[in-house]
């Protein structure tokens, strides 16, 4: 038990100190690569405004917070397809299962941009088109380290390629969740994308190091056979401003989910929403995020299977 307490205090120290490190780096100028790692995954998380750090407790923990794997009771497969703007799409697949006194998860996250115009000189017409592809392969583990505390770690292999140029590297996520005793309140913290990449076209590539901290409050509506979750996240990525995410989820008759979310700190998006449906071992989720100025909209479709 002493060793577990030492681990949790070490993780907590790293997570608490990381925001100061990120703010210090933010003033250094450079932009990060592998921007798809900033994009959230899952229709449920999207519909809740990505206020998900303290909420997640399934296979999506491999992306959001590996500590969420600690309470996994059964194996689960999840898949998400996202239609982004300007012919950008990505897919996320994860498999998680109880093991080694906690939960283990593996995931693959891909991002694809097609039809990028290629030019060698200034010209009206391009000489062709190229594609850009990004991949993140992750292995995660989470477990209880104290009565009300969960901790987890994710290790990632990263790869990106545009035309003939490519880069690869590794990153780590560290996360904790704390369930306040005798309370429906949970708190979550995670540091994401601590690592490095090889040079891309003789240029250095910085990862989008991110700190997320959040809370969720769940209340039962017994007279209606329902439950309600409220969640708030604060998010800081090294090359972007701090923003706050708000989310709510209403579960009706243990089958239908109604969700709404709100995000601050973005120029083109704020309000989103979606719904979910669960039956037997299956769950379907949909998240919708509109953009301002006729810029478009994002649709996320997710499927989960409990084994």
C-alpha atoms as a PDB file:
ATOM      1  CA  UNK A   1       0.000   0.000   0.000  1.00  0.00           C
ATOM      2  CA  UNK A   2       2.851   2.399   0.745  1.00  0.00           C
ATOM      3  CA  UNK A   3       4.206   1.906  -2.762  1.00  0.00           C
ATOM      4  CA  UNK A   4       0.752   2.664  -4.214  1.00  0.00           C
ATOM      5  CA  UNK A   5       0.492   5.841  -2.161  1.00  0.00           C
ATOM      6  CA  UNK A   6       3.941   6.872  -3.372  1.00  0.00           C
ATOM      7  CA  UNK A   7       2.815   6.335  -6.973  1.00  0.00           C
ATOM      8  CA  UNK A   8      -0.354   8.364  -6.549  1.00  0.00           C
ATOM      9  CA  UNK A   9       1.464  11.249  -4.885  1.00  0.00           C
ATOM     10  CA  UNK A  10       4.061  11.233  -7.656  1.00  0.00           C
ATOM     11  CA  UNK A  11       1.334  11.290 -10.333  1.00  0.00           C
ATOM     12  CA  UNK A  12      -0.515  14.042  -8.514  1.00  0.00           C
ATOM     13  CA  UNK A  13       2.637  16.155  -8.277  1.00  0.00           C
ATOM     14  CA  UNK A  14       3.363  15.724 -11.988  1.00  0.00           C
ATOM     15  CA  UNK A  15      -0.223  16.619 -12.929  1.00  0.00           C
ATOM     16  CA  UNK A  16      -0.414  19.642 -10.630  1.00  0.00           C
ATOM     17  CA  UNK A  17       2.920  21.046 -11.857  1.00  0.00           C
ATOM     18  CA  UNK A  18       2.233  20.492 -15.566  1.00  0.00           C
ATOM     19  CA  UNK A  19      -0.064  23.542 -16.096  1.00  0.00           C
ATOM     20  CA  UNK A  20       2.756  25.863 -14.980  1.00  0.00           C
ATOM     21  CA  UNK A  21       5.108  24.096 -17.406  1.00  0.00           C
ATOM     22  CA  UNK A  22       2.567  24.461 -20.209  1.00  0.00           C
ATOM     23  CA  UNK A  23       2.031  28.158 -19.570  1.00  0.00           C
ATOM     24  CA  UNK A  24       5.780  28.692 -19.591  1.00  0.00           C
ATOM     25  CA  UNK A  25       6.108  26.898 -22.926  1.00  0.00           C
ATOM     26  CA  UNK A  26       3.148  28.745 -24.449  1.00  0.00           C
ATOM     27  CA  UNK A  27       5.139  31.937 -24.520  1.00  0.00           C
ATOM     28  CA  UNK A  28       7.979  30.392 -26.522  1.00  0.00           C
ATOM     29  CA  UNK A  29       6.234  30.754 -29.849  1.00  0.00           C
ATOM     30  CA  UNK A  30       6.297  27.480 -31.774  1.00  0.00           C
ATOM     31  CA  UNK A  31       3.294  25.580 -33.011  1.00  0.00           C
ATOM     32  CA  UNK A  32       2.734  21.918 -32.312  1.00  0.00           C
ATOM     33  CA  UNK A  33       2.308  19.062 -34.755  1.00  0.00           C
ATOM     34  CA  UNK A  34      -0.097  16.093 -34.664  1.00  0.00           C
ATOM     35  CA  UNK A  35      -3.020  18.423 -34.017  1.00  0.00           C
ATOM     36  CA  UNK A  36      -5.456  15.510 -34.258  1.00  0.00           C
ATOM     37  CA  UNK A  37      -4.409  14.554 -30.712  1.00  0.00           C
ATOM     38  CA  UNK A  38      -6.350  17.643 -29.565  1.00  0.00           C
ATOM     39  CA  UNK A  39      -9.555  16.317 -31.172  1.00  0.00           C
ATOM     40  CA  UNK A  40     -11.793  14.519 -28.700  1.00  0.00           C
ATOM     41  CA  UNK A  41     -13.205  11.082 -29.509  1.00  0.00           C
ATOM     42  CA  UNK A  42     -16.612   9.521 -28.904  1.00  0.00           C
ATOM     43  CA  UNK A  43     -20.128  10.714 -29.600  1.00  0.00           C
ATOM     44  CA  UNK A  44     -20.935  10.904 -25.877  1.00  0.00           C
ATOM     45  CA  UNK A  45     -17.957  13.101 -25.013  1.00  0.00           C
ATOM     46  CA  UNK A  46     -18.599  15.343 -28.018  1.00  0.00           C
ATOM     47  CA  UNK A  47     -22.246  15.854 -27.091  1.00  0.00           C
ATOM     48  CA  UNK A  48     -21.219  16.793 -23.534  1.00  0.00           C
ATOM     49  CA  UNK A  49     -18.881  19.526 -24.762  1.00  0.00           C
ATOM     50  CA  UNK A  50     -15.835  17.308 -24.067  1.00  0.00           C
ATOM     51  CA  UNK A  51     -16.314  17.758 -20.315  1.00  0.00           C
ATOM     52  CA  UNK A  52     -15.222  14.175 -19.832  1.00  0.00           C
ATOM     53  CA  UNK A  53     -12.067  13.908 -17.714  1.00  0.00           C
ATOM     54  CA  UNK A  54     -13.915  12.885 -14.538  1.00  0.00           C
ATOM     55  CA  UNK A  55     -16.800  11.153 -16.347  1.00  0.00           C
ATOM     56  CA  UNK A  56     -15.091   8.520 -18.496  1.00  0.00           C
ATOM     57  CA  UNK A  57     -15.103   4.952 -17.131  1.00  0.00           C
ATOM     58  CA  UNK A  58     -15.018   2.722 -20.213  1.00  0.00           C
ATOM     59  CA  UNK A  59     -12.798   1.913 -23.210  1.00  0.00           C
ATOM     60  CA  UNK A  60     -12.697   5.623 -24.148  1.00  0.00           C
ATOM     61  CA  UNK A  61     -10.490   6.047 -21.082  1.00  0.00           C
ATOM     62  CA  UNK A  62      -7.595   5.102 -23.360  1.00  0.00           C
ATOM     63  CA  UNK A  63      -7.944   8.585 -24.857  1.00  0.00           C
ATOM     64  CA  UNK A  64      -9.508  10.760 -22.142  1.00  0.00           C
ATOM     65  CA  UNK A  65      -8.083   9.518 -18.849  1.00  0.00           C
ATOM     66  CA  UNK A  66      -6.493   6.077 -18.305  1.00  0.00           C
ATOM     67  CA  UNK A  67      -7.531   6.154 -14.637  1.00  0.00           C
ATOM     68  CA  UNK A  68     -11.081   5.481 -15.847  1.00  0.00           C
ATOM     69  CA  UNK A  69     -10.086   1.898 -16.706  1.00  0.00           C
ATOM     70  CA  UNK A  70      -9.726   1.050 -13.013  1.00  0.00           C
ATOM     71  CA  UNK A  71     -13.432   0.367 -12.522  1.00  0.00           C
ATOM     72  CA  UNK A  72     -13.931  -1.675 -15.685  1.00  0.00           C
ATOM     73  CA  UNK A  73     -16.245  -4.620 -14.953  1.00  0.00           C
ATOM     74  CA  UNK A  74     -16.388  -6.277 -18.390  1.00  0.00           C
ATOM     75  CA  UNK A  75     -14.624  -6.290 -21.731  1.00  0.00           C
ATOM     76  CA  UNK A  76     -15.713  -3.644 -24.210  1.00  0.00           C
ATOM     77  CA  UNK A  77     -15.198  -2.737 -27.860  1.00  0.00           C
ATOM     78  CA  UNK A  78     -15.792   0.820 -29.054  1.00  0.00           C
ATOM     79  CA  UNK A  79     -15.566   2.527 -32.432  1.00  0.00           C
ATOM     80  CA  UNK A  80     -16.023   6.167 -33.444  1.00  0.00           C
ATOM     81  CA  UNK A  81     -16.159   7.765 -36.881  1.00  0.00           C
ATOM     82  CA  UNK A  82     -15.902  11.545 -37.139  1.00  0.00           C
ATOM     83  CA  UNK A  83     -16.698  13.693 -40.156  1.00  0.00           C
ATOM     84  CA  UNK A  84     -14.692  16.894 -39.798  1.00  0.00           C
ATOM     85  CA  UNK A  85     -14.433  19.986 -41.937  1.00  0.00           C
ATOM     86  CA  UNK A  86     -12.736  20.262 -45.341  1.00  0.00           C
ATOM     87  CA  UNK A  87     -12.648  16.499 -46.104  1.00  0.00           C
ATOM     88  CA  UNK A  88     -10.982  15.644 -42.792  1.00  0.00           C
ATOM     89  CA  UNK A  89     -12.078  12.422 -41.112  1.00  0.00           C
ATOM     90  CA  UNK A  90     -10.819  10.264 -38.290  1.00  0.00           C
ATOM     91  CA  UNK A  91     -11.512   6.903 -36.716  1.00  0.00           C
ATOM     92  CA  UNK A  92     -10.963   5.658 -33.184  1.00  0.00           C
ATOM     93  CA  UNK A  93     -11.028   2.009 -32.151  1.00  0.00           C
ATOM     94  CA  UNK A  94     -10.441   0.671 -28.634  1.00  0.00           C
ATOM     95  CA  UNK A  95     -10.675  -2.629 -26.777  1.00  0.00           C
ATOM     96  CA  UNK A  96     -10.574  -2.703 -22.975  1.00  0.00           C
ATOM     97  CA  UNK A  97     -10.820  -5.548 -20.471  1.00  0.00           C
ATOM     98  CA  UNK A  98     -10.346  -6.198 -16.723  1.00  0.00           C
ATOM     99  CA  UNK A  99      -6.856  -7.552 -15.926  1.00  0.00           C
ATOM    100  CA  UNK A 100      -3.961  -7.298 -13.475  1.00  0.00           C
ATOM    101  CA  UNK A 101      -6.130  -5.966 -10.684  1.00  0.00           C
ATOM    102  CA  UNK A 102      -7.488  -3.142 -12.827  1.00  0.00           C
ATOM    103  CA  UNK A 103      -8.258  -2.475 -16.489  1.00  0.00           C
ATOM    104  CA  UNK A 104      -6.184  -2.708 -19.671  1.00  0.00           C
ATOM    105  CA  UNK A 105      -6.982  -0.983 -22.946  1.00  0.00           C
ATOM    106  CA  UNK A 106      -5.511  -0.814 -26.434  1.00  0.00           C
ATOM    107  CA  UNK A 107      -6.566   1.761 -29.019  1.00  0.00           C
ATOM    108  CA  UNK A 108      -5.836   3.000 -32.530  1.00  0.00           C
ATOM    109  CA  UNK A 109      -6.610   6.577 -33.531  1.00  0.00           C
ATOM    110  CA  UNK A 110      -6.220   7.637 -37.175  1.00  0.00           C
ATOM    111  CA  UNK A 111      -6.646  10.999 -38.889  1.00  0.00           C
ATOM    112  CA  UNK A 112      -6.826  11.495 -42.647  1.00  0.00           C
ATOM    113  CA  UNK A 113      -6.766  14.628 -44.798  1.00  0.00           C
ATOM    114  CA  UNK A 114      -7.347  13.965 -48.490  1.00  0.00           C
ATOM    115  CA  UNK A 115      -6.890  16.063 -51.599  1.00  0.00           C
ATOM    116  CA  UNK A 116      -4.243  18.537 -50.413  1.00  0.00           C
ATOM    117  CA  UNK A 117      -3.228  20.547 -53.475  1.00  0.00           C
ATOM    118  CA  UNK A 118       0.425  20.113 -54.497  1.00  0.00           C
ATOM    119  CA  UNK A 119       2.476  22.857 -56.151  1.00  0.00           C
ATOM    120  CA  UNK A 120       6.192  23.284 -56.774  1.00  0.00           C
ATOM    121  CA  UNK A 121       5.840  26.920 -57.953  1.00  0.00           C
ATOM    122  CA  UNK A 122       3.245  29.650 -57.670  1.00  0.00           C
ATOM    123  CA  UNK A 123       0.506  28.622 -60.097  1.00  0.00           C
ATOM    124  CA  UNK A 124      -3.253  28.793 -60.594  1.00  0.00           C
ATOM    125  CA  UNK A 125      -3.653  25.070 -61.058  1.00  0.00           C
ATOM    126  CA  UNK A 126      -1.988  22.468 -58.788  1.00  0.00           C
ATOM    127  CA  UNK A 127       0.156  19.750 -60.348  1.00  0.00           C
ATOM    128  CA  UNK A 128      -1.642  17.125 -58.300  1.00  0.00           C
ATOM    129  CA  UNK A 129      -2.809  16.285 -54.808  1.00  0.00           C
ATOM    130  CA  UNK A 130      -1.390  14.514 -51.780  1.00  0.00           C
ATOM    131  CA  UNK A 131      -2.831  13.019 -48.609  1.00  0.00           C
ATOM    132  CA  UNK A 132      -1.829  13.443 -44.973  1.00  0.00           C
ATOM    133  CA  UNK A 133      -2.157  10.598 -42.496  1.00  0.00           C
ATOM    134  CA  UNK A 134      -1.642  10.437 -38.732  1.00  0.00           C
ATOM    135  CA  UNK A 135      -1.761   7.391 -36.446  1.00  0.00           C
ATOM    136  CA  UNK A 136      -1.601   6.944 -32.688  1.00  0.00           C
ATOM    137  CA  UNK A 137      -1.386   3.435 -31.215  1.00  0.00           C
ATOM    138  CA  UNK A 138      -1.885   3.301 -27.445  1.00  0.00           C
ATOM    139  CA  UNK A 139      -1.697   0.844 -24.566  1.00  0.00           C
ATOM    140  CA  UNK A 140      -3.312   1.902 -21.278  1.00  0.00           C
ATOM    141  CA  UNK A 141      -3.596   0.577 -17.742  1.00  0.00           C
ATOM    142  CA  UNK A 142      -5.586   1.841 -14.756  1.00  0.00           C
ATOM    143  CA  UNK A 143      -6.252   0.551 -11.256  1.00  0.00           C
ATOM    144  CA  UNK A 144      -7.360   1.549  -7.775  1.00  0.00           C
ATOM    145  CA  UNK A 145      -4.408   2.797  -5.744  1.00  0.00           C
ATOM    146  CA  UNK A 146      -6.417   3.701  -2.638  1.00  0.00           C
ATOM    147  CA  UNK A 147      -9.997   3.345  -1.443  1.00  0.00           C
ATOM    148  CA  UNK A 148     -11.316   6.305  -3.436  1.00  0.00           C
ATOM    149  CA  UNK A 149      -8.434   7.003  -5.817  1.00  0.00           C
ATOM    150  CA  UNK A 150      -7.755   5.581  -9.272  1.00  0.00           C
ATOM    151  CA  UNK A 151      -4.633   6.127 -11.357  1.00  0.00           C
ATOM    152  CA  UNK A 152      -3.620   5.185 -14.873  1.00  0.00           C
ATOM    153  CA  UNK A 153      -1.033   5.541 -17.602  1.00  0.00           C
ATOM    154  CA  UNK A 154      -1.167   5.442 -21.404  1.00  0.00           C
ATOM    155  CA  UNK A 155       1.862   4.850 -23.633  1.00  0.00           C
ATOM    156  CA  UNK A 156       1.543   5.906 -27.296  1.00  0.00           C
ATOM    157  CA  UNK A 157       3.411   5.268 -30.520  1.00  0.00           C
ATOM    158  CA  UNK A 158       2.846   8.170 -32.930  1.00  0.00           C
ATOM    159  CA  UNK A 159       3.346   8.426 -36.685  1.00  0.00           C
ATOM    160  CA  UNK A 160       2.546  11.108 -39.264  1.00  0.00           C
ATOM    161  CA  UNK A 161       3.124  11.277 -43.016  1.00  0.00           C
ATOM    162  CA  UNK A 162       2.517  13.919 -45.684  1.00  0.00           C
ATOM    163  CA  UNK A 163       3.428  12.923 -49.245  1.00  0.00           C
ATOM    164  CA  UNK A 164       6.938  11.427 -48.897  1.00  0.00           C
ATOM    165  CA  UNK A 165       7.854  13.015 -45.547  1.00  0.00           C
ATOM    166  CA  UNK A 166       7.195  11.242 -42.251  1.00  0.00           C
ATOM    167  CA  UNK A 167       7.926  11.425 -38.534  1.00  0.00           C
ATOM    168  CA  UNK A 168       7.436   9.101 -35.564  1.00  0.00           C
ATOM    169  CA  UNK A 169       7.744   9.215 -31.799  1.00  0.00           C
ATOM    170  CA  UNK A 170       6.358   8.276 -28.406  1.00  0.00           C
ATOM    171  CA  UNK A 171       4.209   9.931 -25.756  1.00  0.00           C
ATOM    172  CA  UNK A 172       2.741   9.224 -22.318  1.00  0.00           C
ATOM    173  CA  UNK A 173      -0.512  10.230 -20.587  1.00  0.00           C
ATOM    174  CA  UNK A 174      -0.841  10.208 -16.780  1.00  0.00           C
ATOM    175  CA  UNK A 175      -4.236  10.400 -15.105  1.00  0.00           C
ATOM    176  CA  UNK A 176      -5.993  10.181 -11.743  1.00  0.00           C
ATOM    177  CA  UNK A 177      -9.624  10.115 -10.582  1.00  0.00           C
ATOM    178  CA  UNK A 178     -10.882  10.742  -7.077  1.00  0.00           C
ATOM    179  CA  UNK A 179     -14.337   9.821  -5.792  1.00  0.00           C
ATOM    180  CA  UNK A 180     -15.234  12.089  -2.887  1.00  0.00           C
ATOM    181  CA  UNK A 181     -16.313   9.820  -0.032  1.00  0.00           C
ATOM    182  CA  UNK A 182     -20.047   9.721   0.707  1.00  0.00           C
ATOM    183  CA  UNK A 183     -20.668  12.087  -2.182  1.00  0.00           C
ATOM    184  CA  UNK A 184     -21.780  11.843  -5.848  1.00  0.00           C
ATOM    185  CA  UNK A 185     -18.843  14.088  -6.749  1.00  0.00           C
ATOM    186  CA  UNK A 186     -15.851  12.813  -8.741  1.00  0.00           C
ATOM    187  CA  UNK A 187     -12.707  14.687  -9.722  1.00  0.00           C
ATOM    188  CA  UNK A 188     -10.310  13.838 -12.570  1.00  0.00           C
ATOM    189  CA  UNK A 189      -6.927  15.109 -13.763  1.00  0.00           C
ATOM    190  CA  UNK A 190      -4.821  14.034 -16.724  1.00  0.00           C
ATOM    191  CA  UNK A 191      -1.640  15.170 -18.466  1.00  0.00           C
ATOM    192  CA  UNK A 192      -1.506  14.136 -22.127  1.00  0.00           C
ATOM    193  CA  UNK A 193       1.150  13.836 -24.824  1.00  0.00           C
ATOM    194  CA  UNK A 194       4.336  14.050 -22.796  1.00  0.00           C
ATOM    195  CA  UNK A 195       6.955  12.841 -25.261  1.00  0.00           C
ATOM    196  CA  UNK A 196       8.862  13.662 -28.446  1.00  0.00           C
ATOM    197  CA  UNK A 197       8.902  13.123 -32.207  1.00  0.00           C
ATOM    198  CA  UNK A 198      11.643  12.708 -34.769  1.00  0.00           C
ATOM    199  CA  UNK A 199      12.227  15.572 -37.224  1.00  0.00           C
ATOM    200  CA  UNK A 200       9.729  16.130 -40.010  1.00  0.00           C
ATOM    201  CA  UNK A 201      11.267  17.462 -43.234  1.00  0.00           C
ATOM    202  CA  UNK A 202      14.285  18.573 -41.177  1.00  0.00           C
ATOM    203  CA  UNK A 203      12.022  20.532 -38.824  1.00  0.00           C
ATOM    204  CA  UNK A 204      11.422  19.714 -35.160  1.00  0.00           C
ATOM    205  CA  UNK A 205       7.934  18.552 -34.158  1.00  0.00           C
ATOM    206  CA  UNK A 206       6.458  19.520 -30.777  1.00  0.00           C
ATOM    207  CA  UNK A 207       3.626  17.445 -29.356  1.00  0.00           C
ATOM    208  CA  UNK A 208       0.388  19.155 -28.190  1.00  0.00           C
ATOM    209  CA  UNK A 209       1.003  18.663 -24.480  1.00  0.00           C
ATOM    210  CA  UNK A 210      -2.323  19.052 -22.693  1.00  0.00           C
ATOM    211  CA  UNK A 211      -3.584  19.352 -19.135  1.00  0.00           C
ATOM    212  CA  UNK A 212      -7.196  18.509 -18.311  1.00  0.00           C
ATOM    213  CA  UNK A 213      -8.887  18.823 -14.935  1.00  0.00           C
ATOM    214  CA  UNK A 214     -12.562  18.195 -14.331  1.00  0.00           C
ATOM    215  CA  UNK A 215     -15.389  17.304 -11.986  1.00  0.00           C
ATOM    216  CA  UNK A 216     -18.649  15.445 -12.397  1.00  0.00           C
ATOM    217  CA  UNK A 217     -21.711  15.430 -10.171  1.00  0.00           C
ATOM    218  CA  UNK A 218     -24.278  12.670 -10.609  1.00  0.00           C
ATOM    219  CA  UNK A 219     -27.733  12.707  -9.100  1.00  0.00           C
ATOM    220  CA  UNK A 220     -30.473  10.075  -9.199  1.00  0.00           C
ATOM    221  CA  UNK A 221     -34.003  11.073 -10.192  1.00  0.00           C
ATOM    222  CA  UNK A 222     -35.659   8.040  -8.661  1.00  0.00           C
ATOM    223  CA  UNK A 223     -39.226   9.257  -9.118  1.00  0.00           C
ATOM    224  CA  UNK A 224     -38.640   9.378 -12.873  1.00  0.00           C
ATOM    225  CA  UNK A 225     -36.405   6.323 -13.186  1.00  0.00           C
ATOM    226  CA  UNK A 226     -33.655   8.600 -14.460  1.00  0.00           C
ATOM    227  CA  UNK A 227     -30.294  10.093 -13.554  1.00  0.00           C
ATOM    228  CA  UNK A 228     -28.548  13.365 -14.345  1.00  0.00           C
ATOM    229  CA  UNK A 229     -24.843  14.152 -14.706  1.00  0.00           C
ATOM    230  CA  UNK A 230     -23.271  17.601 -14.673  1.00  0.00           C
ATOM    231  CA  UNK A 231     -19.607  17.937 -15.682  1.00  0.00           C
ATOM    232  CA  UNK A 232     -17.046  20.734 -15.996  1.00  0.00           C
ATOM    233  CA  UNK A 233     -13.519  20.549 -17.460  1.00  0.00           C
ATOM    234  CA  UNK A 234     -10.703  23.051 -17.680  1.00  0.00           C
ATOM    235  CA  UNK A 235      -8.306  22.415 -20.580  1.00  0.00           C
ATOM    236  CA  UNK A 236      -4.928  23.948 -21.454  1.00  0.00           C
ATOM    237  CA  UNK A 237      -2.884  22.889 -24.463  1.00  0.00           C
ATOM    238  CA  UNK A 238       0.633  24.254 -24.825  1.00  0.00           C
ATOM    239  CA  UNK A 239      -0.104  26.309 -27.963  1.00  0.00           C
ATOM    240  CA  UNK A 240      -3.700  27.408 -27.269  1.00  0.00           C
ATOM    241  CA  UNK A 241      -5.582  29.489 -24.739  1.00  0.00           C
ATOM    242  CA  UNK A 242      -7.214  27.977 -21.660  1.00  0.00           C
ATOM    243  CA  UNK A 243     -10.837  27.015 -22.171  1.00  0.00           C
ATOM    244  CA  UNK A 244     -13.667  25.587 -20.101  1.00  0.00           C
ATOM    245  CA  UNK A 245     -16.054  22.817 -21.109  1.00  0.00           C
ATOM    246  CA  UNK A 246     -19.522  22.273 -19.626  1.00  0.00           C
ATOM    247  CA  UNK A 247     -21.645  19.183 -20.164  1.00  0.00           C
ATOM    248  CA  UNK A 248     -24.846  17.532 -18.975  1.00  0.00           C
ATOM    249  CA  UNK A 249     -26.387  14.116 -19.579  1.00  0.00           C
ATOM    250  CA  UNK A 250     -29.917  12.950 -18.767  1.00  0.00           C
ATOM    251  CA  UNK A 251     -30.589   9.203 -18.745  1.00  0.00           C
ATOM    252  CA  UNK A 252     -34.238   8.230 -19.261  1.00  0.00           C
ATOM    253  CA  UNK A 253     -35.559   4.789 -18.337  1.00  0.00           C
ATOM    254  CA  UNK A 254     -32.003   3.382 -18.440  1.00  0.00           C
ATOM    255  CA  UNK A 255     -32.147   3.403 -22.250  1.00  0.00           C
ATOM    256  CA  UNK A 256     -32.127   6.896 -23.766  1.00  0.00           C
ATOM    257  CA  UNK A 257     -29.485   9.586 -23.203  1.00  0.00           C
ATOM    258  CA  UNK A 258     -30.032  13.279 -23.912  1.00  0.00           C
ATOM    259  CA  UNK A 259     -26.863  15.407 -23.828  1.00  0.00           C
ATOM    260  CA  UNK A 260     -25.812  19.014 -24.217  1.00  0.00           C
ATOM    261  CA  UNK A 261     -22.457  20.778 -24.007  1.00  0.00           C
ATOM    262  CA  UNK A 262     -20.896  24.225 -24.092  1.00  0.00           C
ATOM    263  CA  UNK A 263     -17.251  25.194 -24.703  1.00  0.00           C
ATOM    264  CA  UNK A 264     -15.552  28.524 -24.074  1.00  0.00           C
ATOM    265  CA  UNK A 265     -12.354  29.897 -25.581  1.00  0.00           C
ATOM    266  CA  UNK A 266     -13.022  28.962 -29.214  1.00  0.00           C
ATOM    267  CA  UNK A 267     -13.677  31.480 -31.980  1.00  0.00           C
ATOM    268  CA  UNK A 268     -15.985  29.353 -34.097  1.00  0.00           C
ATOM    269  CA  UNK A 269     -17.738  26.859 -31.813  1.00  0.00           C
ATOM    270  CA  UNK A 270     -19.511  26.851 -28.454  1.00  0.00           C
ATOM    271  CA  UNK A 271     -22.771  24.879 -28.166  1.00  0.00           C
ATOM    272  CA  UNK A 272     -23.201  21.211 -29.079  1.00  0.00           C
ATOM    273  CA  UNK A 273     -25.357  18.258 -28.198  1.00  0.00           C
ATOM    274  CA  UNK A 274     -26.434  14.766 -29.063  1.00  0.00           C
ATOM    275  CA  UNK A 275     -28.131  11.622 -27.891  1.00  0.00           C
ATOM    276  CA  UNK A 276     -27.505   7.978 -27.118  1.00  0.00           C
ATOM    277  CA  UNK A 277     -29.385   4.700 -27.067  1.00  0.00           C
ATOM    278  CA  UNK A 278     -28.486   1.560 -25.144  1.00  0.00           C
ATOM    279  CA  UNK A 279     -30.048  -1.872 -25.524  1.00  0.00           C
ATOM    280  CA  UNK A 280     -28.754  -5.181 -24.191  1.00  0.00           C
ATOM    281  CA  UNK A 281     -24.984  -5.179 -24.831  1.00  0.00           C
ATOM    282  CA  UNK A 282     -25.016  -2.400 -27.419  1.00  0.00           C
ATOM    283  CA  UNK A 283     -24.806   1.387 -27.239  1.00  0.00           C
ATOM    284  CA  UNK A 284     -25.065   3.955 -30.021  1.00  0.00           C
ATOM    285  CA  UNK A 285     -24.038   7.581 -29.491  1.00  0.00           C
ATOM    286  CA  UNK A 286     -24.159  10.674 -31.669  1.00  0.00           C
ATOM    287  CA  UNK A 287     -22.520  14.051 -31.098  1.00  0.00           C
ATOM    288  CA  UNK A 288     -23.120  17.233 -33.106  1.00  0.00           C
ATOM    289  CA  UNK A 289     -20.993  20.400 -33.032  1.00  0.00           C
ATOM    290  CA  UNK A 290     -21.968  23.355 -35.257  1.00  0.00           C
ATOM    291  CA  UNK A 291     -19.481  26.074 -36.224  1.00  0.00           C
ATOM    292  CA  UNK A 292     -20.196  29.775 -36.640  1.00  0.00           C
ATOM    293  CA  UNK A 293     -19.814  31.863 -39.840  1.00  0.00           C
ATOM    294  CA  UNK A 294     -21.141  29.047 -42.048  1.00  0.00           C
ATOM    295  CA  UNK A 295     -17.887  27.222 -41.414  1.00  0.00           C
ATOM    296  CA  UNK A 296     -19.556  23.834 -41.240  1.00  0.00           C
ATOM    297  CA  UNK A 297     -20.343  21.247 -38.603  1.00  0.00           C
ATOM    298  CA  UNK A 298     -18.903  18.108 -37.025  1.00  0.00           C
ATOM    299  CA  UNK A 299     -20.717  14.789 -36.683  1.00  0.00           C
ATOM    300  CA  UNK A 300     -19.456  11.970 -34.455  1.00  0.00           C
ATOM    301  CA  UNK A 301     -20.980   8.503 -34.545  1.00  0.00           C
ATOM    302  CA  UNK A 302     -19.984   5.927 -31.929  1.00  0.00           C
ATOM    303  CA  UNK A 303     -20.738   2.267 -31.325  1.00  0.00           C
ATOM    304  CA  UNK A 304     -19.954   0.241 -28.184  1.00  0.00           C
ATOM    305  CA  UNK A 305     -20.278  -3.480 -27.526  1.00  0.00           C
ATOM    306  CA  UNK A 306     -20.053  -4.931 -24.009  1.00  0.00           C
ATOM    307  CA  UNK A 307     -18.694  -8.463 -24.158  1.00  0.00           C
END
